Amino acid sequence: METYEHAAISAIAAPIAVWQIFGFSQHFVPLSLFGFFLGVFIDLDHFLVQRLRDGNWNHLKTAFSDVRTITTDNGAALEDRIPNWSRYLSHFAILATAPVLFAAFSFRLAALTYTMLGAHIFCDIVRSWQDDALGFD
């Protein structure tokens, strides 16, 4: 999925997740923003995967030379050179480790982290299935 799609989904899912996990409190807005950023910026791992595959940071330099590339055409920023299995593997590695790290601070914070990262991965998988079913590459 593209960044703007993840942003839209995270903007809806984060406040709902915060409400369910923490309830309404004085920290509702900051926690919702944290959840939003988790749901969107997990995709930065694509650049790390590409770095490991190519051995250079050229794709990241290209993306930051035109920020619209990252927000509207993530595939172009990475030249569509990362296979889905690599993306999913890195996402699942983050899903397995990040909540454990946040659990050191708060189990509810770990639950929010797990929920938002899981929602991102779920949406990626659904989009991939849709693209396959519709014949998109």
N, C-alpha and C. Protein backbone atom coordinates (compact mmCIF):
# COMPACT_ATOMS: atom_id res chain seq x y z
N MET A 1 0.83 -1.18 0.00
CA MET A 1 0.00 0.00 0.00
C MET A 1 0.88 1.24 0.00
N GLU A 2 0.31 2.29 -0.49
CA GLU A 2 1.03 3.56 -0.51
C GLU A 2 0.94 4.25 0.85
N THR A 3 1.84 5.17 1.09
CA THR A 3 1.91 5.86 2.37
C THR A 3 0.63 6.61 2.68
N TYR A 4 0.06 7.28 1.70
CA TYR A 4 -1.16 8.04 1.96
C TYR A 4 -2.32 7.12 2.35
N GLU A 5 -2.33 5.89 1.82
CA GLU A 5 -3.38 4.94 2.20
C GLU A 5 -3.19 4.48 3.65
N HIS A 6 -1.94 4.20 4.01
CA HIS A 6 -1.67 3.82 5.40
C HIS A 6 -1.98 4.98 6.34
N ALA A 7 -1.72 6.20 5.91
CA ALA A 7 -2.02 7.37 6.74
C ALA A 7 -3.53 7.47 6.99
N ALA A 8 -4.33 7.26 5.96
CA ALA A 8 -5.79 7.33 6.12
C ALA A 8 -6.29 6.25 7.08
N ILE A 9 -5.80 5.04 6.90
CA ILE A 9 -6.22 3.94 7.77
C ILE A 9 -5.75 4.17 9.20
N SER A 10 -4.51 4.61 9.35
CA SER A 10 -3.97 4.85 10.70
C SER A 10 -4.68 6.00 11.39
N ALA A 11 -5.09 7.00 10.64
CA ALA A 11 -5.82 8.13 11.22
C ALA A 11 -7.15 7.68 11.81
N ILE A 12 -7.74 6.66 11.24
CA ILE A 12 -8.99 6.11 11.77
C ILE A 12 -8.73 5.10 12.87
N ALA A 13 -7.76 4.21 12.65
CA ALA A 13 -7.52 3.10 13.58
C ALA A 13 -6.86 3.55 14.88
N ALA A 14 -5.95 4.50 14.82
CA ALA A 14 -5.20 4.88 16.02
C ALA A 14 -6.09 5.41 17.14
N PRO A 15 -6.97 6.37 16.88
CA PRO A 15 -7.82 6.84 18.00
C PRO A 15 -8.74 5.75 18.55
N ILE A 16 -9.20 4.87 17.67
CA ILE A 16 -10.05 3.77 18.14
C ILE A 16 -9.26 2.83 19.02
N ALA A 17 -8.03 2.49 18.59
CA ALA A 17 -7.19 1.61 19.39
C ALA A 17 -6.84 2.25 20.73
N VAL A 18 -6.50 3.52 20.72
CA VAL A 18 -6.17 4.21 21.97
C VAL A 18 -7.38 4.22 22.90
N TRP A 19 -8.54 4.50 22.36
CA TRP A 19 -9.76 4.51 23.17
C TRP A 19 -10.02 3.14 23.79
N GLN A 20 -9.84 2.07 23.00
CA GLN A 20 -10.07 0.72 23.50
C GLN A 20 -9.03 0.29 24.53
N ILE A 21 -7.79 0.69 24.35
CA ILE A 21 -6.71 0.23 25.22
C ILE A 21 -6.54 1.13 26.44
N PHE A 22 -6.62 2.43 26.25
CA PHE A 22 -6.34 3.39 27.33
C PHE A 22 -7.58 4.11 27.83
N GLY A 23 -8.63 4.17 27.01
CA GLY A 23 -9.78 4.98 27.35
C GLY A 23 -9.46 6.44 27.05
N PHE A 24 -10.40 7.32 27.35
CA PHE A 24 -10.15 8.74 27.15
C PHE A 24 -9.39 9.27 28.36
N SER A 25 -8.26 9.86 28.09
CA SER A 25 -7.44 10.43 29.16
C SER A 25 -6.75 11.67 28.63
N GLN A 26 -5.96 12.28 29.47
CA GLN A 26 -5.23 13.47 29.03
C GLN A 26 -4.19 13.15 27.98
N HIS A 27 -3.84 11.88 27.84
CA HIS A 27 -2.84 11.46 26.87
C HIS A 27 -3.45 10.91 25.58
N PHE A 28 -4.75 11.10 25.41
CA PHE A 28 -5.43 10.52 24.25
C PHE A 28 -4.82 11.00 22.93
N VAL A 29 -4.63 12.30 22.78
CA VAL A 29 -4.11 12.85 21.52
C VAL A 29 -2.65 12.41 21.28
N PRO A 30 -1.75 12.54 22.26
CA PRO A 30 -0.38 12.09 21.99
C PRO A 30 -0.29 10.59 21.69
N LEU A 31 -1.08 9.79 22.38
CA LEU A 31 -1.07 8.35 22.11
C LEU A 31 -1.64 8.05 20.72
N SER A 32 -2.66 8.79 20.33
CA SER A 32 -3.23 8.61 18.99
C SER A 32 -2.21 8.99 17.93
N LEU A 33 -1.47 10.06 18.14
CA LEU A 33 -0.41 10.45 17.20
C LEU A 33 0.70 9.40 17.15
N PHE A 34 1.05 8.86 18.30
CA PHE A 34 2.05 7.79 18.35
C PHE A 34 1.57 6.59 17.54
N GLY A 35 0.32 6.19 17.74
CA GLY A 35 -0.25 5.08 16.98
C GLY A 35 -0.28 5.36 15.49
N PHE A 36 -0.64 6.58 15.14
CA PHE A 36 -0.65 6.98 13.73
C PHE A 36 0.74 6.82 13.11
N PHE A 37 1.76 7.35 13.78
CA PHE A 37 3.12 7.26 13.24
C PHE A 37 3.60 5.82 13.16
N LEU A 38 3.23 4.99 14.12
CA LEU A 38 3.58 3.57 14.03
C LEU A 38 2.97 2.94 12.78
N GLY A 39 1.71 3.24 12.53
CA GLY A 39 1.01 2.65 11.40
C GLY A 39 1.52 3.10 10.05
N VAL A 40 2.14 4.27 10.00
CA VAL A 40 2.62 4.82 8.73
C VAL A 40 4.11 4.57 8.53
N PHE A 41 4.90 4.86 9.54
CA PHE A 41 6.35 4.88 9.36
C PHE A 41 7.04 3.54 9.49
N ILE A 42 6.28 2.46 9.71
CA ILE A 42 6.89 1.14 9.67
C ILE A 42 7.45 0.88 8.26
N ASP A 43 6.90 1.56 7.26
CA ASP A 43 7.37 1.36 5.88
C ASP A 43 8.78 1.89 5.65
N LEU A 44 9.33 2.63 6.57
CA LEU A 44 10.71 3.06 6.41
C LEU A 44 11.67 1.87 6.40
N ASP A 45 11.21 0.74 6.91
CA ASP A 45 12.05 -0.46 6.85
C ASP A 45 12.32 -0.91 5.42
N HIS A 46 11.48 -0.50 4.48
CA HIS A 46 11.71 -0.86 3.08
C HIS A 46 13.06 -0.31 2.61
N PHE A 47 13.41 0.87 3.09
CA PHE A 47 14.68 1.46 2.69
C PHE A 47 15.86 0.70 3.29
N LEU A 48 15.68 0.19 4.50
CA LEU A 48 16.73 -0.63 5.11
C LEU A 48 16.89 -1.95 4.35
N VAL A 49 15.77 -2.56 4.00
CA VAL A 49 15.82 -3.80 3.21
C VAL A 49 16.53 -3.55 1.88
N GLN A 50 16.17 -2.46 1.23
CA GLN A 50 16.81 -2.13 -0.05
C GLN A 50 18.30 -1.89 0.14
N ARG A 51 18.67 -1.25 1.24
CA ARG A 51 20.09 -1.01 1.54
C ARG A 51 20.82 -2.33 1.70
N LEU A 52 20.22 -3.28 2.41
CA LEU A 52 20.84 -4.58 2.60
C LEU A 52 20.97 -5.34 1.28
N ARG A 53 20.01 -5.14 0.38
CA ARG A 53 20.04 -5.83 -0.92
C ARG A 53 21.05 -5.22 -1.89
N ASP A 54 21.13 -3.88 -1.92
CA ASP A 54 21.98 -3.19 -2.90
C ASP A 54 23.34 -2.77 -2.36
N GLY A 55 23.42 -2.54 -1.07
CA GLY A 55 24.67 -2.09 -0.49
C GLY A 55 24.90 -0.60 -0.57
N ASN A 56 23.88 0.17 -0.96
CA ASN A 56 24.03 1.63 -0.99
C ASN A 56 22.71 2.28 -0.59
N TRP A 57 22.76 3.58 -0.39
CA TRP A 57 21.59 4.34 0.04
C TRP A 57 21.01 5.18 -1.09
N ASN A 58 21.30 4.87 -2.35
CA ASN A 58 20.84 5.69 -3.47
C ASN A 58 19.32 5.85 -3.50
N HIS A 59 18.59 4.78 -3.21
CA HIS A 59 17.13 4.83 -3.24
C HIS A 59 16.60 5.81 -2.19
N LEU A 60 17.25 5.86 -1.02
CA LEU A 60 16.82 6.79 0.01
C LEU A 60 17.13 8.23 -0.39
N LYS A 61 18.28 8.45 -1.00
CA LYS A 61 18.63 9.78 -1.49
C LYS A 61 17.63 10.24 -2.55
N THR A 62 17.28 9.33 -3.44
CA THR A 62 16.30 9.65 -4.48
C THR A 62 14.95 10.02 -3.87
N ALA A 63 14.53 9.25 -2.88
CA ALA A 63 13.23 9.51 -2.25
C ALA A 63 13.22 10.86 -1.55
N PHE A 64 14.30 11.20 -0.85
CA PHE A 64 14.32 12.47 -0.13
C PHE A 64 14.56 13.66 -1.03
N SER A 65 15.00 13.42 -2.25
CA SER A 65 15.14 14.54 -3.18
C SER A 65 13.77 15.03 -3.63
N ASP A 66 12.76 14.17 -3.56
CA ASP A 66 11.38 14.55 -3.86
C ASP A 66 10.48 13.80 -2.88
N VAL A 67 10.09 14.45 -1.80
CA VAL A 67 9.34 13.81 -0.72
C VAL A 67 8.00 13.25 -1.22
N ARG A 68 7.46 13.85 -2.28
CA ARG A 68 6.20 13.33 -2.82
C ARG A 68 6.35 11.88 -3.27
N THR A 69 7.55 11.49 -3.63
CA THR A 69 7.79 10.11 -4.04
C THR A 69 7.46 9.15 -2.91
N ILE A 70 7.87 9.51 -1.69
CA ILE A 70 7.61 8.64 -0.55
C ILE A 70 6.12 8.61 -0.22
N THR A 71 5.46 9.74 -0.29
CA THR A 71 4.07 9.81 0.14
C THR A 71 3.07 9.32 -0.89
N THR A 72 3.41 9.41 -2.16
CA THR A 72 2.42 9.02 -3.18
C THR A 72 2.84 7.85 -4.05
N ASP A 73 4.12 7.53 -4.10
CA ASP A 73 4.57 6.44 -4.95
C ASP A 73 5.78 5.75 -4.33
N ASN A 74 5.51 5.00 -3.26
CA ASN A 74 6.55 4.29 -2.53
C ASN A 74 7.29 3.33 -3.45
N GLY A 75 6.58 2.72 -4.38
CA GLY A 75 7.20 1.80 -5.33
C GLY A 75 8.24 2.48 -6.20
N ALA A 76 7.96 3.70 -6.60
CA ALA A 76 8.93 4.43 -7.43
C ALA A 76 10.17 4.80 -6.62
N ALA A 77 9.97 5.12 -5.34
CA ALA A 77 11.12 5.46 -4.49
C ALA A 77 12.06 4.28 -4.36
N LEU A 78 11.50 3.09 -4.37
CA LEU A 78 12.30 1.88 -4.22
C LEU A 78 12.47 1.14 -5.54
N GLU A 79 12.00 1.75 -6.61
CA GLU A 79 12.11 1.19 -7.95
C GLU A 79 11.50 -0.21 -8.03
N ASP A 80 10.52 -0.48 -7.16
CA ASP A 80 9.83 -1.77 -7.12
C ASP A 80 10.80 -2.94 -7.10
N ARG A 81 11.90 -2.79 -6.39
CA ARG A 81 12.92 -3.83 -6.41
C ARG A 81 12.92 -4.70 -5.16
N ILE A 82 11.99 -4.46 -4.25
CA ILE A 82 11.92 -5.29 -3.04
C ILE A 82 10.73 -6.24 -3.20
N PRO A 83 10.98 -7.54 -3.20
CA PRO A 83 9.85 -8.47 -3.30
C PRO A 83 8.98 -8.42 -2.05
N ASN A 84 7.71 -8.77 -2.23
CA ASN A 84 6.77 -8.72 -1.10
C ASN A 84 7.25 -9.53 0.08
N TRP A 85 7.85 -10.69 -0.14
CA TRP A 85 8.26 -11.52 0.98
C TRP A 85 9.30 -10.80 1.84
N SER A 86 10.16 -10.00 1.24
CA SER A 86 11.16 -9.25 2.02
C SER A 86 10.48 -8.17 2.87
N ARG A 87 9.50 -7.52 2.28
CA ARG A 87 8.76 -6.50 3.03
C ARG A 87 8.02 -7.12 4.20
N TYR A 88 7.33 -8.23 3.94
CA TYR A 88 6.58 -8.88 5.00
C TYR A 88 7.51 -9.40 6.09
N LEU A 89 8.62 -9.97 5.70
CA LEU A 89 9.57 -10.50 6.67
C LEU A 89 10.08 -9.38 7.59
N SER A 90 10.43 -8.25 7.02
CA SER A 90 10.92 -7.14 7.85
C SER A 90 9.79 -6.58 8.71
N HIS A 91 8.58 -6.51 8.17
CA HIS A 91 7.45 -6.04 8.97
C HIS A 91 7.18 -6.99 10.15
N PHE A 92 7.20 -8.30 9.88
CA PHE A 92 6.95 -9.26 10.95
C PHE A 92 8.06 -9.23 11.99
N ALA A 93 9.30 -8.98 11.58
CA ALA A 93 10.40 -8.85 12.54
C ALA A 93 10.16 -7.66 13.46
N ILE A 94 9.69 -6.55 12.89
CA ILE A 94 9.37 -5.38 13.71
C ILE A 94 8.19 -5.68 14.61
N LEU A 95 7.17 -6.37 14.07
CA LEU A 95 5.99 -6.72 14.86
C LEU A 95 6.37 -7.62 16.04
N ALA A 96 7.37 -8.46 15.86
CA ALA A 96 7.79 -9.38 16.92
C ALA A 96 8.64 -8.69 17.98
N THR A 97 9.36 -7.64 17.61
CA THR A 97 10.30 -7.03 18.55
C THR A 97 9.80 -5.73 19.19
N ALA A 98 9.16 -4.87 18.43
CA ALA A 98 8.77 -3.56 18.95
C ALA A 98 7.83 -3.65 20.16
N PRO A 99 6.78 -4.46 20.12
CA PRO A 99 5.93 -4.52 21.31
C PRO A 99 6.67 -5.03 22.55
N VAL A 100 7.63 -5.91 22.36
CA VAL A 100 8.41 -6.41 23.50
C VAL A 100 9.21 -5.26 24.11
N LEU A 101 9.80 -4.43 23.26
CA LEU A 101 10.56 -3.28 23.76
C LEU A 101 9.65 -2.30 24.50
N PHE A 102 8.47 -2.03 23.94
CA PHE A 102 7.55 -1.09 24.58
C PHE A 102 6.92 -1.68 25.85
N ALA A 103 6.89 -3.00 25.95
CA ALA A 103 6.35 -3.63 27.16
C ALA A 103 7.19 -3.31 28.38
N ALA A 104 8.45 -2.94 28.16
CA ALA A 104 9.30 -2.54 29.28
C ALA A 104 8.77 -1.27 29.94
N PHE A 105 8.04 -0.45 29.18
CA PHE A 105 7.46 0.78 29.71
C PHE A 105 6.02 0.58 30.15
N SER A 106 5.25 -0.13 29.32
CA SER A 106 3.83 -0.28 29.61
C SER A 106 3.26 -1.39 28.73
N PHE A 107 2.50 -2.28 29.36
CA PHE A 107 1.88 -3.34 28.56
C PHE A 107 0.80 -2.78 27.64
N ARG A 108 0.15 -1.71 28.08
CA ARG A 108 -0.85 -1.09 27.20
C ARG A 108 -0.19 -0.40 26.02
N LEU A 109 0.96 0.19 26.23
CA LEU A 109 1.72 0.78 25.12
C LEU A 109 2.17 -0.32 24.15
N ALA A 110 2.55 -1.45 24.68
CA ALA A 110 2.92 -2.60 23.83
C ALA A 110 1.71 -3.07 23.03
N ALA A 111 0.53 -3.08 23.66
CA ALA A 111 -0.69 -3.49 22.96
C ALA A 111 -1.02 -2.52 21.83
N LEU A 112 -0.86 -1.22 22.07
CA LEU A 112 -1.10 -0.23 21.02
C LEU A 112 -0.11 -0.43 19.87
N THR A 113 1.14 -0.64 20.21
CA THR A 113 2.17 -0.87 19.19
C THR A 113 1.82 -2.09 18.36
N TYR A 114 1.47 -3.17 19.01
CA TYR A 114 1.13 -4.41 18.31
C TYR A 114 -0.11 -4.20 17.42
N THR A 115 -1.10 -3.49 17.93
CA THR A 115 -2.33 -3.26 17.17
C THR A 115 -2.06 -2.44 15.91
N MET A 116 -1.32 -1.36 16.03
CA MET A 116 -1.09 -0.49 14.87
C MET A 116 -0.17 -1.14 13.84
N LEU A 117 0.88 -1.82 14.30
CA LEU A 117 1.76 -2.51 13.35
C LEU A 117 1.01 -3.66 12.69
N GLY A 118 0.21 -4.36 13.47
CA GLY A 118 -0.58 -5.46 12.92
C GLY A 118 -1.59 -4.98 11.90
N ALA A 119 -2.22 -3.84 12.16
CA ALA A 119 -3.18 -3.27 11.20
C ALA A 119 -2.47 -2.92 9.90
N HIS A 120 -1.29 -2.37 9.99
CA HIS A 120 -0.51 -2.02 8.80
C HIS A 120 -0.22 -3.27 7.97
N ILE A 121 0.28 -4.30 8.63
CA ILE A 121 0.63 -5.53 7.92
C ILE A 121 -0.61 -6.18 7.32
N PHE A 122 -1.71 -6.20 8.07
CA PHE A 122 -2.95 -6.76 7.57
C PHE A 122 -3.40 -6.05 6.29
N CYS A 123 -3.33 -4.72 6.30
CA CYS A 123 -3.73 -3.95 5.12
C CYS A 123 -2.79 -4.23 3.94
N ASP A 124 -1.50 -4.37 4.20
CA ASP A 124 -0.56 -4.72 3.13
C ASP A 124 -0.92 -6.06 2.50
N ILE A 125 -1.25 -7.04 3.34
CA ILE A 125 -1.58 -8.37 2.83
C ILE A 125 -2.88 -8.34 2.04
N VAL A 126 -3.89 -7.65 2.56
CA VAL A 126 -5.17 -7.55 1.84
C VAL A 126 -4.96 -6.87 0.49
N ARG A 127 -4.18 -5.79 0.45
CA ARG A 127 -3.92 -5.09 -0.81
C ARG A 127 -3.19 -6.01 -1.79
N SER A 128 -2.23 -6.77 -1.29
CA SER A 128 -1.50 -7.69 -2.15
C SER A 128 -2.43 -8.74 -2.75
N TRP A 129 -3.34 -9.27 -1.94
CA TRP A 129 -4.31 -10.24 -2.43
C TRP A 129 -5.22 -9.61 -3.47
N GLN A 130 -5.66 -8.38 -3.22
CA GLN A 130 -6.52 -7.69 -4.17
C GLN A 130 -5.78 -7.48 -5.49
N ASP A 131 -4.55 -7.04 -5.42
CA ASP A 131 -3.77 -6.80 -6.63
C ASP A 131 -3.58 -8.10 -7.42
N ASP A 132 -3.33 -9.20 -6.70
CA ASP A 132 -3.17 -10.49 -7.37
C ASP A 132 -4.48 -10.93 -8.01
N ALA A 133 -5.59 -10.74 -7.31
CA ALA A 133 -6.89 -11.15 -7.82
C ALA A 133 -7.29 -10.33 -9.04
N LEU A 134 -6.88 -9.05 -9.06
CA LEU A 134 -7.24 -8.18 -10.17
C LEU A 134 -6.21 -8.21 -11.31
N GLY A 135 -5.11 -8.93 -11.07
CA GLY A 135 -4.09 -9.05 -12.12
C GLY A 135 -3.10 -7.91 -12.16
N PHE A 136 -3.03 -7.10 -11.08
CA PHE A 136 -2.03 -6.02 -11.05
C PHE A 136 -0.71 -6.59 -10.60
N ASP A 137 0.38 -6.02 -11.06
CA ASP A 137 1.71 -6.49 -10.64
C ASP A 137 2.18 -5.74 -9.45
